[in-house]
């Protein structure tokens, strides 16, 4: 039974406390689904996510992944969605997104232009929390994040430690790439253990730069950021920001040109191989 249709992923309840994630070839930016399919994208996301779950399992990190179920789908353990702030609840999704930043880029740069140069390596990782189930992601301070997530200070620190541990695994296993930043989601199991859920470490959730080009002072986006950059170049992003500032929905997002969609597909396939060390068979 279909229980949730996201921008790029469909979620089915298959019974027995399990869900099926079906990864589509949709791509979204700025909370908009682009009216252009990206060939092989769903297969790449599924394969990369499965790879990182398996790697985390080898390092003792609890996760909800059970098995791959075809090229673009996987079976995972089900967790409930509950009202925010339910500290006494067990086995539930924590309604937060956790972003770890290692270099200055994206919205972090936009908020801190007076402090940092774009692309600068941060002296220490910056971990931020945003809302998960609100219409638009909203940056939270740690106090509000704990209230919304129904977590204690100790549990929040454990989440942060888990994020850093996972990112160490990613950074230590990628090839010719820099892991710039990434977002993750968590659940609490029946014993209130922290569990990594949804997907992470993919070209959709995380930002990667070409290492060789970075060392030459150039920032080559090797993730969904490549697509965001296109819509910034054509002026769409500025129009959308202005509309939202005025409380309007904003103009519909135009499709990607076919040659650009092909480039994006090729980029995802290349990233699959650089992230997993395996040949892409999508």
C-alpha atoms as a PDB file:
ATOM      1  CA  UNK A   1       0.000   0.000   0.000  1.00  0.00           C
ATOM      2  CA  UNK A   2       1.355   3.414  -0.982  1.00  0.00           C
ATOM      3  CA  UNK A   3       1.571   5.532   2.178  1.00  0.00           C
ATOM      4  CA  UNK A   4       3.722   8.440   1.075  1.00  0.00           C
ATOM      5  CA  UNK A   5       4.701   9.896  -2.273  1.00  0.00           C
ATOM      6  CA  UNK A   6       7.664  12.205  -1.930  1.00  0.00           C
ATOM      7  CA  UNK A   7       9.337  14.323  -4.540  1.00  0.00           C
ATOM      8  CA  UNK A   8      11.748  11.572  -5.582  1.00  0.00           C
ATOM      9  CA  UNK A   9      10.773   8.509  -3.523  1.00  0.00           C
ATOM     10  CA  UNK A  10       7.586   6.502  -3.032  1.00  0.00           C
ATOM     11  CA  UNK A  11       7.049   4.641   0.254  1.00  0.00           C
ATOM     12  CA  UNK A  12       4.918   1.495   0.494  1.00  0.00           C
ATOM     13  CA  UNK A  13       3.819  -0.325   3.647  1.00  0.00           C
ATOM     14  CA  UNK A  14       4.324  -4.022   2.878  1.00  0.00           C
ATOM     15  CA  UNK A  15       3.308  -5.291   6.314  1.00  0.00           C
ATOM     16  CA  UNK A  16       5.308  -7.034   9.005  1.00  0.00           C
ATOM     17  CA  UNK A  17       6.757  -3.753  10.231  1.00  0.00           C
ATOM     18  CA  UNK A  18       8.483  -3.161   6.885  1.00  0.00           C
ATOM     19  CA  UNK A  19       8.437  -0.471   4.220  1.00  0.00           C
ATOM     20  CA  UNK A  20       9.460  -0.531   0.587  1.00  0.00           C
ATOM     21  CA  UNK A  21      11.295   2.508  -0.790  1.00  0.00           C
ATOM     22  CA  UNK A  22      10.861   2.963  -4.535  1.00  0.00           C
ATOM     23  CA  UNK A  23      13.329   5.467  -5.986  1.00  0.00           C
ATOM     24  CA  UNK A  24      12.014   7.297  -9.052  1.00  0.00           C
ATOM     25  CA  UNK A  25      13.936   9.120 -11.758  1.00  0.00           C
ATOM     26  CA  UNK A  26      12.467  12.425 -10.547  1.00  0.00           C
ATOM     27  CA  UNK A  27      14.753  15.213  -9.416  1.00  0.00           C
ATOM     28  CA  UNK A  28      13.786  18.154  -7.236  1.00  0.00           C
ATOM     29  CA  UNK A  29      15.455  21.411  -6.258  1.00  0.00           C
ATOM     30  CA  UNK A  30      14.211  24.282  -4.079  1.00  0.00           C
ATOM     31  CA  UNK A  31      11.245  22.055  -3.020  1.00  0.00           C
ATOM     32  CA  UNK A  32      10.108  21.836  -6.657  1.00  0.00           C
ATOM     33  CA  UNK A  33       9.937  18.694  -8.803  1.00  0.00           C
ATOM     34  CA  UNK A  34      11.600  19.376 -12.155  1.00  0.00           C
ATOM     35  CA  UNK A  35       9.381  18.233 -15.053  1.00  0.00           C
ATOM     36  CA  UNK A  36      12.243  16.217 -16.557  1.00  0.00           C
ATOM     37  CA  UNK A  37      13.181  12.618 -15.724  1.00  0.00           C
ATOM     38  CA  UNK A  38      16.848  11.790 -15.091  1.00  0.00           C
ATOM     39  CA  UNK A  39      17.641   8.382 -16.574  1.00  0.00           C
ATOM     40  CA  UNK A  40      19.146   5.873 -14.087  1.00  0.00           C
ATOM     41  CA  UNK A  41      18.865   8.303 -11.158  1.00  0.00           C
ATOM     42  CA  UNK A  42      16.570   6.105  -9.055  1.00  0.00           C
ATOM     43  CA  UNK A  43      18.840   3.105  -9.501  1.00  0.00           C
ATOM     44  CA  UNK A  44      21.920   5.156  -8.560  1.00  0.00           C
ATOM     45  CA  UNK A  45      20.322   6.553  -5.383  1.00  0.00           C
ATOM     46  CA  UNK A  46      19.139   3.121  -4.288  1.00  0.00           C
ATOM     47  CA  UNK A  47      22.535   1.530  -4.919  1.00  0.00           C
ATOM     48  CA  UNK A  48      24.545   4.255  -3.188  1.00  0.00           C
ATOM     49  CA  UNK A  49      22.211   4.338  -0.166  1.00  0.00           C
ATOM     50  CA  UNK A  50      22.358   0.538   0.189  1.00  0.00           C
ATOM     51  CA  UNK A  51      26.163   0.706  -0.018  1.00  0.00           C
ATOM     52  CA  UNK A  52      26.423   3.178   2.872  1.00  0.00           C
ATOM     53  CA  UNK A  53      23.933   1.289   5.033  1.00  0.00           C
ATOM     54  CA  UNK A  54      26.011  -1.859   4.608  1.00  0.00           C
ATOM     55  CA  UNK A  55      29.203   0.054   5.426  1.00  0.00           C
ATOM     56  CA  UNK A  56      27.604   1.518   8.566  1.00  0.00           C
ATOM     57  CA  UNK A  57      26.476  -1.926   9.671  1.00  0.00           C
ATOM     58  CA  UNK A  58      30.073  -3.150   9.490  1.00  0.00           C
ATOM     59  CA  UNK A  59      31.042  -0.347  11.868  1.00  0.00           C
ATOM     60  CA  UNK A  60      28.318  -1.116  14.405  1.00  0.00           C
ATOM     61  CA  UNK A  61      25.998   1.757  13.490  1.00  0.00           C
ATOM     62  CA  UNK A  62      22.302   0.861  13.801  1.00  0.00           C
ATOM     63  CA  UNK A  63      20.207   1.452  10.650  1.00  0.00           C
ATOM     64  CA  UNK A  64      16.813   0.535   9.224  1.00  0.00           C
ATOM     65  CA  UNK A  65      18.018  -1.028   5.941  1.00  0.00           C
ATOM     66  CA  UNK A  66      17.061  -4.689   5.470  1.00  0.00           C
ATOM     67  CA  UNK A  67      17.748  -5.597   1.836  1.00  0.00           C
ATOM     68  CA  UNK A  68      17.885  -4.397  -1.762  1.00  0.00           C
ATOM     69  CA  UNK A  69      14.718  -5.302  -3.667  1.00  0.00           C
ATOM     70  CA  UNK A  70      15.510  -4.686  -7.324  1.00  0.00           C
ATOM     71  CA  UNK A  71      17.549  -1.988  -9.037  1.00  0.00           C
ATOM     72  CA  UNK A  72      15.590   0.949  -7.702  1.00  0.00           C
ATOM     73  CA  UNK A  73      13.940  -0.286  -4.501  1.00  0.00           C
ATOM     74  CA  UNK A  74      14.857  -1.474  -1.016  1.00  0.00           C
ATOM     75  CA  UNK A  75      13.129  -2.890   2.057  1.00  0.00           C
ATOM     76  CA  UNK A  76      13.572  -1.074   5.364  1.00  0.00           C
ATOM     77  CA  UNK A  77      12.277  -1.277   8.894  1.00  0.00           C
ATOM     78  CA  UNK A  78       9.220   0.854   9.606  1.00  0.00           C
ATOM     79  CA  UNK A  79       9.160   3.576  12.263  1.00  0.00           C
ATOM     80  CA  UNK A  80       6.117   5.601  13.291  1.00  0.00           C
ATOM     81  CA  UNK A  81       5.612   9.302  12.755  1.00  0.00           C
ATOM     82  CA  UNK A  82       4.424  10.832  16.060  1.00  0.00           C
ATOM     83  CA  UNK A  83       3.542  14.283  17.353  1.00  0.00           C
ATOM     84  CA  UNK A  84       6.595  16.392  18.145  1.00  0.00           C
ATOM     85  CA  UNK A  85       7.998  16.447  21.629  1.00  0.00           C
ATOM     86  CA  UNK A  86       6.918  12.921  22.633  1.00  0.00           C
ATOM     87  CA  UNK A  87       9.892  12.076  24.840  1.00  0.00           C
ATOM     88  CA  UNK A  88       8.148   8.983  26.214  1.00  0.00           C
ATOM     89  CA  UNK A  89       7.492   7.446  22.799  1.00  0.00           C
ATOM     90  CA  UNK A  90       9.458   4.474  21.498  1.00  0.00           C
ATOM     91  CA  UNK A  91      10.165   3.327  17.947  1.00  0.00           C
ATOM     92  CA  UNK A  92       9.467   6.615  16.166  1.00  0.00           C
ATOM     93  CA  UNK A  93      10.960   8.866  13.504  1.00  0.00           C
ATOM     94  CA  UNK A  94      12.711  11.898  14.937  1.00  0.00           C
ATOM     95  CA  UNK A  95      11.213  14.826  12.969  1.00  0.00           C
ATOM     96  CA  UNK A  96      14.549  16.535  12.312  1.00  0.00           C
ATOM     97  CA  UNK A  97      17.127  16.735   9.567  1.00  0.00           C
ATOM     98  CA  UNK A  98      20.739  16.894  10.729  1.00  0.00           C
ATOM     99  CA  UNK A  99      23.219  18.682   8.461  1.00  0.00           C
ATOM    100  CA  UNK A 100      26.957  18.330   8.938  1.00  0.00           C
ATOM    101  CA  UNK A 101      29.155  20.864   7.145  1.00  0.00           C
ATOM    102  CA  UNK A 102      32.889  20.527   6.552  1.00  0.00           C
ATOM    103  CA  UNK A 103      33.392  23.266   3.938  1.00  0.00           C
ATOM    104  CA  UNK A 104      31.699  26.615   3.350  1.00  0.00           C
ATOM    105  CA  UNK A 105      28.997  26.189   0.701  1.00  0.00           C
ATOM    106  CA  UNK A 106      25.252  26.381   0.061  1.00  0.00           C
ATOM    107  CA  UNK A 107      22.952  28.119   2.529  1.00  0.00           C
ATOM    108  CA  UNK A 108      25.705  28.184   5.153  1.00  0.00           C
ATOM    109  CA  UNK A 109      27.736  30.459   2.883  1.00  0.00           C
ATOM    110  CA  UNK A 110      24.701  32.630   2.141  1.00  0.00           C
ATOM    111  CA  UNK A 111      24.198  33.139   5.895  1.00  0.00           C
ATOM    112  CA  UNK A 112      27.887  33.726   6.671  1.00  0.00           C
ATOM    113  CA  UNK A 113      29.338  35.610   3.693  1.00  0.00           C
ATOM    114  CA  UNK A 114      30.892  38.180   6.010  1.00  0.00           C
ATOM    115  CA  UNK A 115      32.779  35.506   7.964  1.00  0.00           C
ATOM    116  CA  UNK A 116      33.922  32.950   5.392  1.00  0.00           C
ATOM    117  CA  UNK A 117      35.103  32.611   1.817  1.00  0.00           C
ATOM    118  CA  UNK A 118      33.154  30.208  -0.378  1.00  0.00           C
ATOM    119  CA  UNK A 119      34.868  26.810  -0.431  1.00  0.00           C
ATOM    120  CA  UNK A 120      36.875  27.422   2.741  1.00  0.00           C
ATOM    121  CA  UNK A 121      37.507  24.338   4.853  1.00  0.00           C
ATOM    122  CA  UNK A 122      35.986  24.765   8.296  1.00  0.00           C
ATOM    123  CA  UNK A 123      38.304  24.394  11.290  1.00  0.00           C
ATOM    124  CA  UNK A 124      35.677  22.201  12.959  1.00  0.00           C
ATOM    125  CA  UNK A 125      32.565  20.556  11.505  1.00  0.00           C
ATOM    126  CA  UNK A 126      29.369  22.586  11.903  1.00  0.00           C
ATOM    127  CA  UNK A 127      26.265  20.544  12.735  1.00  0.00           C
ATOM    128  CA  UNK A 128      22.860  22.142  12.168  1.00  0.00           C
ATOM    129  CA  UNK A 129      19.301  20.964  12.764  1.00  0.00           C
ATOM    130  CA  UNK A 130      16.279  21.743  10.598  1.00  0.00           C
ATOM    131  CA  UNK A 131      12.621  20.731  10.656  1.00  0.00           C
ATOM    132  CA  UNK A 132      11.528  17.642   8.758  1.00  0.00           C
ATOM    133  CA  UNK A 133       7.742  17.699   8.387  1.00  0.00           C
ATOM    134  CA  UNK A 134       7.077  21.419   7.946  1.00  0.00           C
ATOM    135  CA  UNK A 135       6.274  22.884   4.513  1.00  0.00           C
ATOM    136  CA  UNK A 136       9.771  24.368   4.182  1.00  0.00           C
ATOM    137  CA  UNK A 137      12.887  23.395   6.123  1.00  0.00           C
ATOM    138  CA  UNK A 138      13.517  25.745   9.043  1.00  0.00           C
ATOM    139  CA  UNK A 139      16.823  26.130  10.859  1.00  0.00           C
ATOM    140  CA  UNK A 140      16.574  25.332  14.579  1.00  0.00           C
ATOM    141  CA  UNK A 141      18.702  26.022  17.599  1.00  0.00           C
ATOM    142  CA  UNK A 142      19.566  22.964  19.683  1.00  0.00           C
ATOM    143  CA  UNK A 143      16.980  23.702  22.385  1.00  0.00           C
ATOM    144  CA  UNK A 144      14.084  23.774  19.912  1.00  0.00           C
ATOM    145  CA  UNK A 145      15.513  20.769  18.049  1.00  0.00           C
ATOM    146  CA  UNK A 146      15.446  18.742  21.280  1.00  0.00           C
ATOM    147  CA  UNK A 147      11.862  19.839  21.999  1.00  0.00           C
ATOM    148  CA  UNK A 148      10.625  19.006  18.489  1.00  0.00           C
ATOM    149  CA  UNK A 149      12.549  15.739  18.355  1.00  0.00           C
ATOM    150  CA  UNK A 150      11.563  14.590  21.826  1.00  0.00           C
ATOM    151  CA  UNK A 151      15.218  13.909  22.651  1.00  0.00           C
ATOM    152  CA  UNK A 152      17.415  14.588  25.652  1.00  0.00           C
ATOM    153  CA  UNK A 153      20.698  16.480  25.625  1.00  0.00           C
ATOM    154  CA  UNK A 154      22.534  13.146  25.900  1.00  0.00           C
ATOM    155  CA  UNK A 155      20.625  11.745  22.905  1.00  0.00           C
ATOM    156  CA  UNK A 156      21.335  14.861  20.869  1.00  0.00           C
ATOM    157  CA  UNK A 157      25.055  14.494  21.561  1.00  0.00           C
ATOM    158  CA  UNK A 158      24.846  10.838  20.517  1.00  0.00           C
ATOM    159  CA  UNK A 159      23.180  11.849  17.248  1.00  0.00           C
ATOM    160  CA  UNK A 160      25.951  14.349  16.548  1.00  0.00           C
ATOM    161  CA  UNK A 161      28.622  11.759  17.324  1.00  0.00           C
ATOM    162  CA  UNK A 162      26.897   9.258  15.006  1.00  0.00           C
ATOM    163  CA  UNK A 163      26.768  11.811  12.182  1.00  0.00           C
ATOM    164  CA  UNK A 164      30.489  12.483  12.493  1.00  0.00           C
ATOM    165  CA  UNK A 165      31.271   8.758  12.622  1.00  0.00           C
ATOM    166  CA  UNK A 166      29.226   8.083   9.468  1.00  0.00           C
ATOM    167  CA  UNK A 167      30.890  10.957   7.644  1.00  0.00           C
ATOM    168  CA  UNK A 168      34.304   9.606   8.615  1.00  0.00           C
ATOM    169  CA  UNK A 169      33.286   6.349   6.932  1.00  0.00           C
ATOM    170  CA  UNK A 170      32.153   8.216   3.816  1.00  0.00           C
ATOM    171  CA  UNK A 171      35.270  10.396   3.613  1.00  0.00           C
ATOM    172  CA  UNK A 172      37.504   7.378   4.087  1.00  0.00           C
ATOM    173  CA  UNK A 173      35.923   5.385   1.265  1.00  0.00           C
ATOM    174  CA  UNK A 174      35.260   7.831  -1.577  1.00  0.00           C
ATOM    175  CA  UNK A 175      37.568   8.212  -4.555  1.00  0.00           C
ATOM    176  CA  UNK A 176      38.936  11.555  -5.808  1.00  0.00           C
ATOM    177  CA  UNK A 177      36.108  13.442  -4.103  1.00  0.00           C
ATOM    178  CA  UNK A 178      35.699  15.886  -1.228  1.00  0.00           C
ATOM    179  CA  UNK A 179      32.672  15.352   1.017  1.00  0.00           C
ATOM    180  CA  UNK A 180      31.516  18.929   1.538  1.00  0.00           C
ATOM    181  CA  UNK A 181      28.334  18.465   3.571  1.00  0.00           C
ATOM    182  CA  UNK A 182      25.355  16.173   3.938  1.00  0.00           C
ATOM    183  CA  UNK A 183      22.066  15.650   5.717  1.00  0.00           C
ATOM    184  CA  UNK A 184      20.788  12.693   7.709  1.00  0.00           C
ATOM    185  CA  UNK A 185      17.654  11.539   9.484  1.00  0.00           C
ATOM    186  CA  UNK A 186      17.248   9.361  12.554  1.00  0.00           C
ATOM    187  CA  UNK A 187      14.724   7.302  14.466  1.00  0.00           C
ATOM    188  CA  UNK A 188      14.494   6.003  18.020  1.00  0.00           C
ATOM    189  CA  UNK A 189      13.989   2.248  18.373  1.00  0.00           C
ATOM    190  CA  UNK A 190      12.000   0.452  21.091  1.00  0.00           C
ATOM    191  CA  UNK A 191      15.016   0.627  23.430  1.00  0.00           C
ATOM    192  CA  UNK A 192      15.647   4.286  22.596  1.00  0.00           C
ATOM    193  CA  UNK A 193      18.716   3.485  20.526  1.00  0.00           C
ATOM    194  CA  UNK A 194      19.582   5.972  17.773  1.00  0.00           C
ATOM    195  CA  UNK A 195      18.966   4.506  14.292  1.00  0.00           C
ATOM    196  CA  UNK A 196      20.001   6.097  10.974  1.00  0.00           C
ATOM    197  CA  UNK A 197      17.047   6.061   8.534  1.00  0.00           C
ATOM    198  CA  UNK A 198      15.868   7.300   5.137  1.00  0.00           C
ATOM    199  CA  UNK A 199      18.931   7.668   2.840  1.00  0.00           C
ATOM    200  CA  UNK A 200      22.226   9.532   3.065  1.00  0.00           C
ATOM    201  CA  UNK A 201      25.572   9.885   1.326  1.00  0.00           C
ATOM    202  CA  UNK A 202      23.902  10.067  -2.098  1.00  0.00           C
ATOM    203  CA  UNK A 203      24.172  12.810  -4.753  1.00  0.00           C
ATOM    204  CA  UNK A 204      20.750  14.056  -3.588  1.00  0.00           C
ATOM    205  CA  UNK A 205      21.432  14.466   0.137  1.00  0.00           C
ATOM    206  CA  UNK A 206      25.138  15.262   0.120  1.00  0.00           C
ATOM    207  CA  UNK A 207      27.448  17.679  -1.665  1.00  0.00           C
ATOM    208  CA  UNK A 208      30.658  16.444  -3.279  1.00  0.00           C
ATOM    209  CA  UNK A 209      33.426  18.343  -5.047  1.00  0.00           C
ATOM    210  CA  UNK A 210      36.097  17.074  -7.416  1.00  0.00           C
ATOM    211  CA  UNK A 211      39.234  16.850  -5.265  1.00  0.00           C
ATOM    212  CA  UNK A 212      41.775  17.586  -8.009  1.00  0.00           C
ATOM    213  CA  UNK A 213      39.894  20.667  -9.201  1.00  0.00           C
ATOM    214  CA  UNK A 214      39.418  21.895  -5.625  1.00  0.00           C
ATOM    215  CA  UNK A 215      43.180  21.765  -5.095  1.00  0.00           C
ATOM    216  CA  UNK A 216      43.472  23.992  -8.171  1.00  0.00           C
ATOM    217  CA  UNK A 217      41.040  26.510  -6.672  1.00  0.00           C
ATOM    218  CA  UNK A 218      37.957  25.437  -8.648  1.00  0.00           C
ATOM    219  CA  UNK A 219      34.644  24.143  -7.304  1.00  0.00           C
ATOM    220  CA  UNK A 220      33.206  21.452  -9.565  1.00  0.00           C
ATOM    221  CA  UNK A 221      29.834  20.347  -8.236  1.00  0.00           C
ATOM    222  CA  UNK A 222      29.369  16.581  -8.366  1.00  0.00           C
ATOM    223  CA  UNK A 223      25.908  16.229  -6.845  1.00  0.00           C
ATOM    224  CA  UNK A 224      22.391  17.617  -7.205  1.00  0.00           C
ATOM    225  CA  UNK A 225      24.037  20.988  -6.615  1.00  0.00           C
ATOM    226  CA  UNK A 226      25.018  20.819 -10.303  1.00  0.00           C
ATOM    227  CA  UNK A 227      21.303  21.137 -11.118  1.00  0.00           C
ATOM    228  CA  UNK A 228      20.697  23.899  -8.575  1.00  0.00           C
ATOM    229  CA  UNK A 229      23.547  25.838 -10.172  1.00  0.00           C
ATOM    230  CA  UNK A 230      21.794  25.672 -13.570  1.00  0.00           C
ATOM    231  CA  UNK A 231      18.586  27.208 -12.195  1.00  0.00           C
ATOM    232  CA  UNK A 232      20.582  29.919 -10.472  1.00  0.00           C
ATOM    233  CA  UNK A 233      22.361  30.705 -13.744  1.00  0.00           C
ATOM    234  CA  UNK A 234      19.113  31.143 -15.695  1.00  0.00           C
ATOM    235  CA  UNK A 235      17.650  33.410 -12.980  1.00  0.00           C
ATOM    236  CA  UNK A 236      14.889  31.063 -11.833  1.00  0.00           C
ATOM    237  CA  UNK A 237      16.155  30.762  -8.256  1.00  0.00           C
ATOM    238  CA  UNK A 238      16.169  34.540  -7.776  1.00  0.00           C
ATOM    239  CA  UNK A 239      12.594  34.780  -9.076  1.00  0.00           C
ATOM    240  CA  UNK A 240      11.498  32.014  -6.730  1.00  0.00           C
ATOM    241  CA  UNK A 241      13.204  33.595  -3.707  1.00  0.00           C
ATOM    242  CA  UNK A 242      11.573  36.941  -4.420  1.00  0.00           C
ATOM    243  CA  UNK A 243       8.136  35.358  -4.814  1.00  0.00           C
ATOM    244  CA  UNK A 244       8.469  33.454  -1.540  1.00  0.00           C
ATOM    245  CA  UNK A 245       9.687  36.597   0.210  1.00  0.00           C
ATOM    246  CA  UNK A 246       6.422  38.240  -0.870  1.00  0.00           C
ATOM    247  CA  UNK A 247       4.396  35.259   0.311  1.00  0.00           C
ATOM    248  CA  UNK A 248       3.649  33.950  -3.171  1.00  0.00           C
ATOM    249  CA  UNK A 249       4.099  30.385  -4.428  1.00  0.00           C
ATOM    250  CA  UNK A 250       6.497  31.392  -7.182  1.00  0.00           C
ATOM    251  CA  UNK A 251       6.731  30.522 -10.864  1.00  0.00           C
ATOM    252  CA  UNK A 252       6.639  26.879 -12.028  1.00  0.00           C
ATOM    253  CA  UNK A 253      10.094  25.428 -12.516  1.00  0.00           C
ATOM    254  CA  UNK A 254      11.006  24.968 -16.193  1.00  0.00           C
ATOM    255  CA  UNK A 255      12.194  21.592 -17.497  1.00  0.00           C
ATOM    256  CA  UNK A 256      15.870  20.830 -17.946  1.00  0.00           C
ATOM    257  CA  UNK A 257      17.072  20.934 -21.561  1.00  0.00           C
ATOM    258  CA  UNK A 258      17.605  17.391 -22.878  1.00  0.00           C
ATOM    259  CA  UNK A 259      21.377  17.818 -23.155  1.00  0.00           C
ATOM    260  CA  UNK A 260      21.494  19.019 -19.543  1.00  0.00           C
ATOM    261  CA  UNK A 261      19.372  16.075 -18.360  1.00  0.00           C
ATOM    262  CA  UNK A 262      21.800  13.714 -20.093  1.00  0.00           C
ATOM    263  CA  UNK A 263      24.739  15.407 -18.336  1.00  0.00           C
ATOM    264  CA  UNK A 264      23.000  14.984 -14.988  1.00  0.00           C
ATOM    265  CA  UNK A 265      22.355  11.286 -15.662  1.00  0.00           C
ATOM    266  CA  UNK A 266      26.006  10.740 -16.584  1.00  0.00           C
ATOM    267  CA  UNK A 267      27.074  12.620 -13.451  1.00  0.00           C
ATOM    268  CA  UNK A 268      24.972  10.367 -11.218  1.00  0.00           C
ATOM    269  CA  UNK A 269      26.425   7.234 -12.828  1.00  0.00           C
ATOM    270  CA  UNK A 270      29.983   8.547 -12.372  1.00  0.00           C
ATOM    271  CA  UNK A 271      29.251   9.361  -8.750  1.00  0.00           C
ATOM    272  CA  UNK A 272      27.889   5.872  -8.146  1.00  0.00           C
ATOM    273  CA  UNK A 273      31.233   4.433  -9.204  1.00  0.00           C
ATOM    274  CA  UNK A 274      33.303   6.958  -7.240  1.00  0.00           C
ATOM    275  CA  UNK A 275      31.221   6.516  -4.096  1.00  0.00           C
ATOM    276  CA  UNK A 276      30.904   2.736  -4.112  1.00  0.00           C
ATOM    277  CA  UNK A 277      34.006   1.620  -6.004  1.00  0.00           C
ATOM    278  CA  UNK A 278      31.754  -0.620  -8.133  1.00  0.00           C
ATOM    279  CA  UNK A 279      30.771  -0.462 -11.782  1.00  0.00           C
ATOM    280  CA  UNK A 280      27.290   0.956 -12.260  1.00  0.00           C
ATOM    281  CA  UNK A 281      24.897  -1.622 -13.715  1.00  0.00           C
ATOM    282  CA  UNK A 282      21.821   0.586 -13.745  1.00  0.00           C
END
